[in-house]
Amino acid sequence: MKCPNCGFEEAPVWKNRMWQLYQQYARIEELESFEDTKELAAILRKCSPVVKGFNHVSYSDDYYNYQVRADGFVVRIPQKFAESPLSMREPHKEKVKIPRVNPKQKRLMSF
């Protein structure tokens, strides 16, 4: 996809994750094969891979949080869509707490 304003076109290496809205993934070898992402791949190769704790950020730039996994995959999420600035999690609506209703109030409210 090409930006109509500045003409920037991102490498087609990033794929969308099936059950995540904002996360994308790629293999580190694929990042090394594209000219636009070679510099990023060199930086990510120096990061230690994440084995446990999938909320760990390996590298962060001005726009994305990156996570290098032990299986050779790199996952990224835009910082503006992450749960916090140094997080790999997406915000979820399920985390909103619903107030409990007192059983007596419930009986009073029913008609």
PDB file of N, CA and C in Angstrom:
ATOM      1  N   MET A   1       0.838  -1.176   0.000  1.00  0.00           N
ATOM      2  CA  MET A   1       0.000   0.000   0.000  1.00  0.00           C
ATOM      3  C   MET A   1       0.884   1.240   0.000  1.00  0.00           C
ATOM      4  N   LYS A   2       0.526   2.215  -0.794  1.00  0.00           N
ATOM      5  CA  LYS A   2       1.327   3.420  -0.948  1.00  0.00           C
ATOM      6  C   LYS A   2       0.581   4.620  -0.374  1.00  0.00           C
ATOM      7  N   CYS A   3       1.303   5.430   0.398  1.00  0.00           N
ATOM      8  CA  CYS A   3       0.705   6.625   0.990  1.00  0.00           C
ATOM      9  C   CYS A   3       0.519   7.679  -0.102  1.00  0.00           C
ATOM     10  N   PRO A   4      -0.696   8.222  -0.261  1.00  0.00           N
ATOM     11  CA  PRO A   4      -0.918   9.221  -1.300  1.00  0.00           C
ATOM     12  C   PRO A   4      -0.239  10.562  -1.004  1.00  0.00           C
ATOM     13  N   ASN A   5       0.042  10.833   0.257  1.00  0.00           N
ATOM     14  CA  ASN A   5       0.642  12.125   0.623  1.00  0.00           C
ATOM     15  C   ASN A   5       2.155  12.143   0.424  1.00  0.00           C
ATOM     16  N   CYS A   6       2.855  11.177   1.015  1.00  0.00           N
ATOM     17  CA  CYS A   6       4.325  11.205   0.980  1.00  0.00           C
ATOM     18  C   CYS A   6       4.926  10.197   0.009  1.00  0.00           C
ATOM     19  N   GLY A   7       4.146   9.225  -0.464  1.00  0.00           N
ATOM     20  CA  GLY A   7       4.640   8.235  -1.404  1.00  0.00           C
ATOM     21  C   GLY A   7       5.356   7.056  -0.764  1.00  0.00           C
ATOM     22  N   PHE A   8       5.322   6.958   0.576  1.00  0.00           N
ATOM     23  CA  PHE A   8       5.987   5.852   1.263  1.00  0.00           C
ATOM     24  C   PHE A   8       5.234   4.558   1.002  1.00  0.00           C
ATOM     25  N   GLU A   9       5.993   3.524   0.682  1.00  0.00           N
ATOM     26  CA  GLU A   9       5.405   2.210   0.468  1.00  0.00           C
ATOM     27  C   GLU A   9       6.137   1.200   1.344  1.00  0.00           C
ATOM     28  N   GLU A  10       5.397   0.529   2.208  1.00  0.00           N
ATOM     29  CA  GLU A  10       5.993  -0.422   3.139  1.00  0.00           C
ATOM     30  C   GLU A  10       6.229  -1.759   2.458  1.00  0.00           C
ATOM     31  N   ALA A  11       7.281  -2.444   2.909  1.00  0.00           N
ATOM     32  CA  ALA A  11       7.594  -3.767   2.363  1.00  0.00           C
ATOM     33  C   ALA A  11       6.455  -4.735   2.653  1.00  0.00           C
ATOM     34  N   PRO A  12       6.112  -5.602   1.712  1.00  0.00           N
ATOM     35  CA  PRO A  12       4.975  -6.524   1.892  1.00  0.00           C
ATOM     36  C   PRO A  12       5.292  -7.726   2.769  1.00  0.00           C
ATOM     37  N   VAL A  13       6.301  -7.635   3.596  1.00  0.00           N
ATOM     38  CA  VAL A  13       6.741  -8.761   4.405  1.00  0.00           C
ATOM     39  C   VAL A  13       5.836  -8.996   5.619  1.00  0.00           C
ATOM     40  N   TRP A  14       5.185  -7.977   6.124  1.00  0.00           N
ATOM     41  CA  TRP A  14       4.376  -8.093   7.346  1.00  0.00           C
ATOM     42  C   TRP A  14       3.022  -8.719   7.040  1.00  0.00           C
ATOM     43  N   LYS A  15       2.641  -9.709   7.867  1.00  0.00           N
ATOM     44  CA  LYS A  15       1.350 -10.394   7.724  1.00  0.00           C
ATOM     45  C   LYS A  15       0.515 -10.136   8.975  1.00  0.00           C
ATOM     46  N   ASN A  16      -0.777 -10.053   8.819  1.00  0.00           N
ATOM     47  CA  ASN A  16      -1.670  -9.826   9.956  1.00  0.00           C
ATOM     48  C   ASN A  16      -1.845 -11.111  10.761  1.00  0.00           C
ATOM     49  N   ARG A  17      -1.885 -10.958  12.076  1.00  0.00           N
ATOM     50  CA  ARG A  17      -2.138 -12.113  12.942  1.00  0.00           C
ATOM     51  C   ARG A  17      -3.628 -12.411  12.944  1.00  0.00           C
ATOM     52  N   MET A  18      -3.958 -13.684  13.005  1.00  0.00           N
ATOM     53  CA  MET A  18      -5.351 -14.101  12.851  1.00  0.00           C
ATOM     54  C   MET A  18      -6.268 -13.591  13.951  1.00  0.00           C
ATOM     55  N   TRP A  19      -5.883 -13.690  15.206  1.00  0.00           N
ATOM     56  CA  TRP A  19      -6.785 -13.357  16.296  1.00  0.00           C
ATOM     57  C   TRP A  19      -6.463 -12.022  16.951  1.00  0.00           C
ATOM     58  N   GLN A  20      -5.564 -11.245  16.372  1.00  0.00           N
ATOM     59  CA  GLN A  20      -5.198  -9.944  16.919  1.00  0.00           C
ATOM     60  C   GLN A  20      -5.536  -8.871  15.885  1.00  0.00           C
ATOM     61  N   LEU A  21      -6.117  -7.789  16.333  1.00  0.00           N
ATOM     62  CA  LEU A  21      -6.506  -6.732  15.406  1.00  0.00           C
ATOM     63  C   LEU A  21      -5.319  -5.926  14.886  1.00  0.00           C
ATOM     64  N   TYR A  22      -4.377  -5.595  15.744  1.00  0.00           N
ATOM     65  CA  TYR A  22      -3.336  -4.637  15.390  1.00  0.00           C
ATOM     66  C   TYR A  22      -1.946  -5.238  15.271  1.00  0.00           C
ATOM     67  N   GLN A  23      -1.764  -6.500  15.606  1.00  0.00           N
ATOM     68  CA  GLN A  23      -0.436  -7.099  15.553  1.00  0.00           C
ATOM     69  C   GLN A  23      -0.162  -7.713  14.187  1.00  0.00           C
ATOM     70  N   GLN A  24       1.105  -7.619  13.782  1.00  0.00           N
ATOM     71  CA  GLN A  24       1.567  -8.215  12.541  1.00  0.00           C
ATOM     72  C   GLN A  24       2.819  -9.023  12.834  1.00  0.00           C
ATOM     73  N   TYR A  25       3.142  -9.965  11.960  1.00  0.00           N
ATOM     74  CA  TYR A  25       4.309 -10.801  12.184  1.00  0.00           C
ATOM     75  C   TYR A  25       5.054 -11.027  10.877  1.00  0.00           C
ATOM     76  N   ALA A  26       6.330 -11.410  11.030  1.00  0.00           N
ATOM     77  CA  ALA A  26       7.181 -11.787   9.897  1.00  0.00           C
ATOM     78  C   ALA A  26       8.320 -12.634  10.436  1.00  0.00           C
ATOM     79  N   ARG A  27       8.939 -13.411   9.574  1.00  0.00           N
ATOM     80  CA  ARG A  27      10.138 -14.146   9.963  1.00  0.00           C
ATOM     81  C   ARG A  27      11.335 -13.208   9.816  1.00  0.00           C
ATOM     82  N   ILE A  28      12.319 -13.384  10.654  1.00  0.00           N
ATOM     83  CA  ILE A  28      13.502 -12.518  10.628  1.00  0.00           C
ATOM     84  C   ILE A  28      14.242 -12.649   9.289  1.00  0.00           C
ATOM     85  N   GLU A  29      14.218 -13.830   8.680  1.00  0.00           N
ATOM     86  CA  GLU A  29      14.865 -14.038   7.384  1.00  0.00           C
ATOM     87  C   GLU A  29      14.166 -13.232   6.285  1.00  0.00           C
ATOM     88  N   GLU A  30      12.838 -13.114   6.379  1.00  0.00           N
ATOM     89  CA  GLU A  30      12.100 -12.317   5.402  1.00  0.00           C
ATOM     90  C   GLU A  30      12.452 -10.842   5.532  1.00  0.00           C
ATOM     91  N   LEU A  31      12.634 -10.381   6.766  1.00  0.00           N
ATOM     92  CA  LEU A  31      13.017  -8.988   6.974  1.00  0.00           C
ATOM     93  C   LEU A  31      14.394  -8.708   6.371  1.00  0.00           C
ATOM     94  N   GLU A  32      15.278  -9.674   6.444  1.00  0.00           N
ATOM     95  CA  GLU A  32      16.623  -9.503   5.886  1.00  0.00           C
ATOM     96  C   GLU A  32      16.615  -9.508   4.358  1.00  0.00           C
ATOM     97  N   SER A  33      15.617 -10.108   3.741  1.00  0.00           N
ATOM     98  CA  SER A  33      15.584 -10.217   2.287  1.00  0.00           C
ATOM     99  C   SER A  33      15.098  -8.950   1.590  1.00  0.00           C
ATOM    100  N   PHE A  34      14.403  -8.067   2.281  1.00  0.00           N
ATOM    101  CA  PHE A  34      13.917  -6.826   1.676  1.00  0.00           C
ATOM    102  C   PHE A  34      14.878  -5.684   1.997  1.00  0.00           C
ATOM    103  N   GLU A  35      15.148  -4.863   1.022  1.00  0.00           N
ATOM    104  CA  GLU A  35      16.081  -3.750   1.195  1.00  0.00           C
ATOM    105  C   GLU A  35      15.598  -2.754   2.254  1.00  0.00           C
ATOM    106  N   ASP A  36      14.290  -2.518   2.319  1.00  0.00           N
ATOM    107  CA  ASP A  36      13.740  -1.539   3.259  1.00  0.00           C
ATOM    108  C   ASP A  36      13.826  -1.997   4.713  1.00  0.00           C
ATOM    109  N   THR A  37      13.863  -3.296   4.951  1.00  0.00           N
ATOM    110  CA  THR A  37      13.828  -3.795   6.322  1.00  0.00           C
ATOM    111  C   THR A  37      15.143  -4.437   6.770  1.00  0.00           C
ATOM    112  N   LYS A  38      16.205  -4.320   5.969  1.00  0.00           N
ATOM    113  CA  LYS A  38      17.497  -4.917   6.340  1.00  0.00           C
ATOM    114  C   LYS A  38      18.066  -4.277   7.600  1.00  0.00           C
ATOM    115  N   GLU A  39      17.947  -2.964   7.714  1.00  0.00           N
ATOM    116  CA  GLU A  39      18.477  -2.261   8.888  1.00  0.00           C
ATOM    117  C   GLU A  39      17.730  -2.681  10.156  1.00  0.00           C
ATOM    118  N   LEU A  40      16.405  -2.790  10.054  1.00  0.00           N
ATOM    119  CA  LEU A  40      15.603  -3.244  11.185  1.00  0.00           C
ATOM    120  C   LEU A  40      15.963  -4.679  11.567  1.00  0.00           C
ATOM    121  N   ALA A  41      16.169  -5.534  10.571  1.00  0.00           N
ATOM    122  CA  ALA A  41      16.530  -6.933  10.844  1.00  0.00           C
ATOM    123  C   ALA A  41      17.872  -7.021  11.565  1.00  0.00           C
ATOM    124  N   ALA A  42      18.826  -6.157  11.205  1.00  0.00           N
ATOM    125  CA  ALA A  42      20.132  -6.156  11.875  1.00  0.00           C
ATOM    126  C   ALA A  42      19.984  -5.754  13.340  1.00  0.00           C
ATOM    127  N   ILE A  43      19.128  -4.790  13.610  1.00  0.00           N
ATOM    128  CA  ILE A  43      18.880  -4.362  14.999  1.00  0.00           C
ATOM    129  C   ILE A  43      18.201  -5.481  15.779  1.00  0.00           C
ATOM    130  N   LEU A  44      17.210  -6.128  15.176  1.00  0.00           N
ATOM    131  CA  LEU A  44      16.459  -7.184  15.862  1.00  0.00           C
ATOM    132  C   LEU A  44      17.296  -8.443  16.071  1.00  0.00           C
ATOM    133  N   ARG A  45      18.261  -8.712  15.200  1.00  0.00           N
ATOM    134  CA  ARG A  45      19.146  -9.868  15.382  1.00  0.00           C
ATOM    135  C   ARG A  45      19.973  -9.737  16.663  1.00  0.00           C
ATOM    136  N   LYS A  46      20.288  -8.496  17.056  1.00  0.00           N
ATOM    137  CA  LYS A  46      21.079  -8.251  18.265  1.00  0.00           C
ATOM    138  C   LYS A  46      20.256  -8.410  19.543  1.00  0.00           C
ATOM    139  N   CYS A  47      18.927  -8.370  19.435  1.00  0.00           N
ATOM    140  CA  CYS A  47      18.049  -8.508  20.609  1.00  0.00           C
ATOM    141  C   CYS A  47      17.965  -9.973  21.027  1.00  0.00           C
ATOM    142  N   SER A  48      17.850 -10.186  22.311  1.00  0.00           N
ATOM    143  CA  SER A  48      17.698 -11.565  22.787  1.00  0.00           C
ATOM    144  C   SER A  48      16.245 -12.002  22.592  1.00  0.00           C
ATOM    145  N   PRO A  49      16.022 -13.234  22.120  1.00  0.00           N
ATOM    146  CA  PRO A  49      14.658 -13.695  21.861  1.00  0.00           C
ATOM    147  C   PRO A  49      13.861 -13.906  23.148  1.00  0.00           C
ATOM    148  N   VAL A  50      12.563 -13.709  23.040  1.00  0.00           N
ATOM    149  CA  VAL A  50      11.643 -13.889  24.160  1.00  0.00           C
ATOM    150  C   VAL A  50      11.195 -15.345  24.180  1.00  0.00           C
ATOM    151  N   VAL A  51      11.403 -16.013  25.294  1.00  0.00           N
ATOM    152  CA  VAL A  51      10.981 -17.398  25.440  1.00  0.00           C
ATOM    153  C   VAL A  51       9.696 -17.452  26.255  1.00  0.00           C
ATOM    154  N   LYS A  52       9.652 -16.695  27.346  1.00  0.00           N
ATOM    155  CA  LYS A  52       8.468 -16.623  28.201  1.00  0.00           C
ATOM    156  C   LYS A  52       8.038 -15.173  28.337  1.00  0.00           C
ATOM    157  N   GLY A  53       6.789 -14.964  28.701  1.00  0.00           N
ATOM    158  CA  GLY A  53       6.298 -13.608  28.926  1.00  0.00           C
ATOM    159  C   GLY A  53       6.065 -12.874  27.621  1.00  0.00           C
ATOM    160  N   PHE A  54       4.967 -13.165  26.984  1.00  0.00           N
ATOM    161  CA  PHE A  54       4.707 -12.613  25.656  1.00  0.00           C
ATOM    162  C   PHE A  54       4.385 -11.129  25.658  1.00  0.00           C
ATOM    163  N   ASN A  55       4.446 -10.455  26.808  1.00  0.00           N
ATOM    164  CA  ASN A  55       4.228  -9.013  26.835  1.00  0.00           C
ATOM    165  C   ASN A  55       5.553  -8.259  26.821  1.00  0.00           C
ATOM    166  N   HIS A  56       6.657  -8.956  26.642  1.00  0.00           N
ATOM    167  CA  HIS A  56       7.987  -8.339  26.661  1.00  0.00           C
ATOM    168  C   HIS A  56       8.285  -7.688  25.309  1.00  0.00           C
ATOM    169  N   VAL A  57       8.729  -6.426  25.322  1.00  0.00           N
ATOM    170  CA  VAL A  57       9.103  -5.705  24.110  1.00  0.00           C
ATOM    171  C   VAL A  57      10.612  -5.828  23.929  1.00  0.00           C
ATOM    172  N   SER A  58      11.051  -6.324  22.767  1.00  0.00           N
ATOM    173  CA  SER A  58      12.474  -6.478  22.498  1.00  0.00           C
ATOM    174  C   SER A  58      13.102  -5.181  21.999  1.00  0.00           C
ATOM    175  N   TYR A  59      12.376  -4.446  21.149  1.00  0.00           N
ATOM    176  CA  TYR A  59      12.884  -3.216  20.552  1.00  0.00           C
ATOM    177  C   TYR A  59      11.701  -2.304  20.281  1.00  0.00           C
ATOM    178  N   SER A  60      11.923  -1.009  20.387  1.00  0.00           N
ATOM    179  CA  SER A  60      10.859  -0.039  20.144  1.00  0.00           C
ATOM    180  C   SER A  60      11.431   1.151  19.380  1.00  0.00           C
ATOM    181  N   ASP A  61      10.736   1.580  18.343  1.00  0.00           N
ATOM    182  CA  ASP A  61      11.123   2.807  17.649  1.00  0.00           C
ATOM    183  C   ASP A  61      10.016   3.839  17.855  1.00  0.00           C
ATOM    184  N   ASP A  62       9.933   4.833  17.021  1.00  0.00           N
ATOM    185  CA  ASP A  62       8.941   5.897  17.223  1.00  0.00           C
ATOM    186  C   ASP A  62       7.514   5.452  16.943  1.00  0.00           C
ATOM    187  N   TYR A  63       7.335   4.366  16.197  1.00  0.00           N
ATOM    188  CA  TYR A  63       5.992   3.971  15.775  1.00  0.00           C
ATOM    189  C   TYR A  63       5.546   2.592  16.253  1.00  0.00           C
ATOM    190  N   TYR A  64       6.478   1.643  16.347  1.00  0.00           N
ATOM    191  CA  TYR A  64       6.122   0.259  16.635  1.00  0.00           C
ATOM    192  C   TYR A  64       6.886  -0.288  17.840  1.00  0.00           C
ATOM    193  N   ASN A  65       6.277  -1.272  18.508  1.00  0.00           N
ATOM    194  CA  ASN A  65       6.948  -2.119  19.489  1.00  0.00           C
ATOM    195  C   ASN A  65       7.186  -3.461  18.809  1.00  0.00           C
ATOM    196  N   TYR A  66       8.400  -3.966  18.910  1.00  0.00           N
ATOM    197  CA  TYR A  66       8.772  -5.221  18.273  1.00  0.00           C
ATOM    198  C   TYR A  66       9.112  -6.262  19.329  1.00  0.00           C
ATOM    199  N   GLN A  67       8.794  -7.501  19.024  1.00  0.00           N
ATOM    200  CA  GLN A  67       9.139  -8.612  19.901  1.00  0.00           C
ATOM    201  C   GLN A  67       9.779  -9.709  19.049  1.00  0.00           C
ATOM    202  N   VAL A  68      10.994 -10.094  19.412  1.00  0.00           N
ATOM    203  CA  VAL A  68      11.700 -11.176  18.728  1.00  0.00           C
ATOM    204  C   VAL A  68      11.438 -12.447  19.524  1.00  0.00           C
ATOM    205  N   ARG A  69      10.874 -13.444  18.872  1.00  0.00           N
ATOM    206  CA  ARG A  69      10.539 -14.699  19.553  1.00  0.00           C
ATOM    207  C   ARG A  69      11.594 -15.760  19.282  1.00  0.00           C
ATOM    208  N   ALA A  70      11.643 -16.745  20.129  1.00  0.00           N
ATOM    209  CA  ALA A  70      12.652 -17.808  20.023  1.00  0.00           C
ATOM    210  C   ALA A  70      12.468 -18.661  18.773  1.00  0.00           C
ATOM    211  N   ASP A  71      11.257 -18.709  18.220  1.00  0.00           N
ATOM    212  CA  ASP A  71      11.003 -19.527  17.030  1.00  0.00           C
ATOM    213  C   ASP A  71      11.348 -18.810  15.723  1.00  0.00           C
ATOM    214  N   GLY A  72      11.942 -17.609  15.795  1.00  0.00           N
ATOM    215  CA  GLY A  72      12.370 -16.901  14.595  1.00  0.00           C
ATOM    216  C   GLY A  72      11.373 -15.896  14.058  1.00  0.00           C
ATOM    217  N   PHE A  73      10.248 -15.734  14.717  1.00  0.00           N
ATOM    218  CA  PHE A  73       9.262 -14.766  14.281  1.00  0.00           C
ATOM    219  C   PHE A  73       9.457 -13.431  14.988  1.00  0.00           C
ATOM    220  N   VAL A  74       9.118 -12.366  14.294  1.00  0.00           N
ATOM    221  CA  VAL A  74       9.111 -11.021  14.869  1.00  0.00           C
ATOM    222  C   VAL A  74       7.669 -10.543  14.828  1.00  0.00           C
ATOM    223  N   VAL A  75       7.171 -10.085  15.973  1.00  0.00           N
ATOM    224  CA  VAL A  75       5.802  -9.568  16.069  1.00  0.00           C
ATOM    225  C   VAL A  75       5.898  -8.079  16.339  1.00  0.00           C
ATOM    226  N   ARG A  76       5.040  -7.298  15.702  1.00  0.00           N
ATOM    227  CA  ARG A  76       5.032  -5.861  15.955  1.00  0.00           C
ATOM    228  C   ARG A  76       3.609  -5.383  16.193  1.00  0.00           C
ATOM    229  N   ILE A  77       3.509  -4.281  16.947  1.00  0.00           N
ATOM    230  CA  ILE A  77       2.231  -3.634  17.196  1.00  0.00           C
ATOM    231  C   ILE A  77       2.472  -2.125  17.187  1.00  0.00           C
ATOM    232  N   PRO A  78       1.603  -1.348  16.557  1.00  0.00           N
ATOM    233  CA  PRO A  78       1.768   0.106  16.613  1.00  0.00           C
ATOM    234  C   PRO A  78       1.646   0.595  18.054  1.00  0.00           C
ATOM    235  N   GLN A  79       2.507   1.507  18.446  1.00  0.00           N
ATOM    236  CA  GLN A  79       2.496   2.001  19.820  1.00  0.00           C
ATOM    237  C   GLN A  79       1.170   2.661  20.178  1.00  0.00           C
ATOM    238  N   LYS A  80       0.536   3.325  19.210  1.00  0.00           N
ATOM    239  CA  LYS A  80      -0.719   4.005  19.532  1.00  0.00           C
ATOM    240  C   LYS A  80      -1.863   3.028  19.791  1.00  0.00           C
ATOM    241  N   PHE A  81      -1.723   1.766  19.359  1.00  0.00           N
ATOM    242  CA  PHE A  81      -2.758   0.770  19.616  1.00  0.00           C
ATOM    243  C   PHE A  81      -2.404  -0.192  20.744  1.00  0.00           C
ATOM    244  N   ALA A  82      -1.211  -0.074  21.300  1.00  0.00           N
ATOM    245  CA  ALA A  82      -0.800  -0.953  22.400  1.00  0.00           C
ATOM    246  C   ALA A  82      -1.467  -0.511  23.696  1.00  0.00           C
ATOM    247  N   GLU A  83      -1.581  -1.445  24.622  1.00  0.00           N
ATOM    248  CA  GLU A  83      -2.220  -1.180  25.906  1.00  0.00           C
ATOM    249  C   GLU A  83      -1.470  -0.106  26.693  1.00  0.00           C
ATOM    250  N   SER A  84      -0.144  -0.111  26.602  1.00  0.00           N
ATOM    251  CA  SER A  84       0.703   0.918  27.210  1.00  0.00           C
ATOM    252  C   SER A  84       1.893   1.127  26.277  1.00  0.00           C
ATOM    253  N   PRO A  85       2.680   2.196  26.469  1.00  0.00           N
ATOM    254  CA  PRO A  85       3.772   2.474  25.526  1.00  0.00           C
ATOM    255  C   PRO A  85       4.799   1.358  25.362  1.00  0.00           C
ATOM    256  N   LEU A  86       5.060   0.580  26.396  1.00  0.00           N
ATOM    257  CA  LEU A  86       6.012  -0.529  26.275  1.00  0.00           C
ATOM    258  C   LEU A  86       5.311  -1.861  26.502  1.00  0.00           C
ATOM    259  N   SER A  87       4.280  -2.111  25.721  1.00  0.00           N
ATOM    260  CA  SER A  87       3.496  -3.327  25.860  1.00  0.00           C
ATOM    261  C   SER A  87       3.239  -3.933  24.486  1.00  0.00           C
ATOM    262  N   MET A  88       3.091  -5.241  24.448  1.00  0.00           N
ATOM    263  CA  MET A  88       2.714  -5.935  23.220  1.00  0.00           C
ATOM    264  C   MET A  88       1.221  -6.274  23.210  1.00  0.00           C
ATOM    265  N   ARG A  89       0.534  -5.973  24.288  1.00  0.00           N
ATOM    266  CA  ARG A  89      -0.889  -6.313  24.385  1.00  0.00           C
ATOM    267  C   ARG A  89      -1.760  -5.251  23.728  1.00  0.00           C
ATOM    268  N   GLU A  90      -2.900  -5.729  23.255  1.00  0.00           N
ATOM    269  CA  GLU A  90      -3.914  -4.835  22.715  1.00  0.00           C
ATOM    270  C   GLU A  90      -4.932  -4.527  23.805  1.00  0.00           C
ATOM    271  N   PRO A  91      -5.483  -3.321  23.811  1.00  0.00           N
ATOM    272  CA  PRO A  91      -6.522  -3.048  24.809  1.00  0.00           C
ATOM    273  C   PRO A  91      -7.778  -3.854  24.495  1.00  0.00           C
ATOM    274  N   HIS A  92      -8.431  -4.367  25.543  1.00  0.00           N
ATOM    275  CA  HIS A  92      -9.617  -5.192  25.360  1.00  0.00           C
ATOM    276  C   HIS A  92     -10.785  -4.584  26.108  1.00  0.00           C
ATOM    277  N   LYS A  93     -11.954  -4.703  25.537  1.00  0.00           N
ATOM    278  CA  LYS A  93     -13.166  -4.200  26.182  1.00  0.00           C
ATOM    279  C   LYS A  93     -13.550  -5.047  27.389  1.00  0.00           C
ATOM    280  N   GLU A  94     -13.110  -6.291  27.417  1.00  0.00           N
ATOM    281  CA  GLU A  94     -13.479  -7.196  28.507  1.00  0.00           C
ATOM    282  C   GLU A  94     -12.905  -6.750  29.846  1.00  0.00           C
ATOM    283  N   LYS A  95     -11.911  -5.883  29.837  1.00  0.00           N
ATOM    284  CA  LYS A  95     -11.281  -5.450  31.071  1.00  0.00           C
ATOM    285  C   LYS A  95     -12.107  -4.405  31.815  1.00  0.00           C
ATOM    286  N   VAL A  96     -13.176  -3.932  31.211  1.00  0.00           N
ATOM    287  CA  VAL A  96     -14.044  -2.962  31.870  1.00  0.00           C
ATOM    288  C   VAL A  96     -14.848  -3.689  32.935  1.00  0.00           C
ATOM    289  N   LYS A  97     -14.839  -3.158  34.147  1.00  0.00           N
ATOM    290  CA  LYS A  97     -15.559  -3.815  35.235  1.00  0.00           C
ATOM    291  C   LYS A  97     -17.020  -3.370  35.239  1.00  0.00           C
ATOM    292  N   ILE A  98     -17.903  -4.342  35.320  1.00  0.00           N
ATOM    293  CA  ILE A  98     -19.334  -4.083  35.390  1.00  0.00           C
ATOM    294  C   ILE A  98     -19.711  -4.063  36.859  1.00  0.00           C
ATOM    295  N   PRO A  99     -20.376  -2.997  37.306  1.00  0.00           N
ATOM    296  CA  PRO A  99     -20.730  -2.939  38.731  1.00  0.00           C
ATOM    297  C   PRO A  99     -21.732  -4.031  39.098  1.00  0.00           C
ATOM    298  N   ARG A 100     -21.533  -4.606  40.269  1.00  0.00           N
ATOM    299  CA  ARG A 100     -22.453  -5.643  40.753  1.00  0.00           C
ATOM    300  C   ARG A 100     -23.709  -4.995  41.314  1.00  0.00           C
ATOM    301  N   VAL A 101     -24.807  -5.674  41.107  1.00  0.00           N
ATOM    302  CA  VAL A 101     -26.090  -5.187  41.606  1.00  0.00           C
ATOM    303  C   VAL A 101     -26.448  -5.973  42.862  1.00  0.00           C
ATOM    304  N   ASN A 102     -26.810  -5.266  43.876  1.00  0.00           N
ATOM    305  CA  ASN A 102     -27.240  -5.883  45.119  1.00  0.00           C
ATOM    306  C   ASN A 102     -28.534  -6.667  44.852  1.00  0.00           C
ATOM    307  N   PRO A 103     -28.675  -7.907  45.358  1.00  0.00           N
ATOM    308  CA  PRO A 103     -29.898  -8.691  45.087  1.00  0.00           C
ATOM    309  C   PRO A 103     -31.177  -7.979  45.538  1.00  0.00           C
ATOM    310  N   LYS A 104     -31.121  -7.231  46.635  1.00  0.00           N
ATOM    311  CA  LYS A 104     -32.311  -6.505  47.085  1.00  0.00           C
ATOM    312  C   LYS A 104     -32.674  -5.410  46.101  1.00  0.00           C
ATOM    313  N   GLN A 105     -31.668  -4.731  45.578  1.00  0.00           N
ATOM    314  CA  GLN A 105     -31.947  -3.692  44.582  1.00  0.00           C
ATOM    315  C   GLN A 105     -32.526  -4.300  43.313  1.00  0.00           C
ATOM    316  N   LYS A 106     -32.052  -5.488  42.959  1.00  0.00           N
ATOM    317  CA  LYS A 106     -32.536  -6.158  41.765  1.00  0.00           C
ATOM    318  C   LYS A 106     -34.030  -6.445  41.885  1.00  0.00           C
ATOM    319  N   ARG A 107     -34.457  -6.901  43.078  1.00  0.00           N
ATOM    320  CA  ARG A 107     -35.891  -7.175  43.281  1.00  0.00           C
ATOM    321  C   ARG A 107     -36.699  -5.896  43.241  1.00  0.00           C
ATOM    322  N   LEU A 108     -36.148  -4.836  43.754  1.00  0.00           N
ATOM    323  CA  LEU A 108     -36.876  -3.572  43.743  1.00  0.00           C
ATOM    324  C   LEU A 108     -37.008  -3.012  42.330  1.00  0.00           C
ATOM    325  N   MET A 109     -36.023  -3.298  41.497  1.00  0.00           N
ATOM    326  CA  MET A 109     -36.026  -2.750  40.150  1.00  0.00           C
ATOM    327  C   MET A 109     -36.903  -3.554  39.207  1.00  0.00           C
ATOM    328  N   SER A 110     -37.180  -4.804  39.522  1.00  0.00           N
ATOM    329  CA  SER A 110     -37.995  -5.621  38.618  1.00  0.00           C
ATOM    330  C   SER A 110     -39.464  -5.252  38.775  1.00  0.00           C
ATOM    331  N   PHE A 111     -40.189  -5.338  37.729  1.00  0.00           N
ATOM    332  CA  PHE A 111     -41.614  -4.975  37.738  1.00  0.00           C
ATOM    333  C   PHE A 111     -42.504  -6.179  37.681  1.00  0.00           C
TER     334      PHE A 111
END
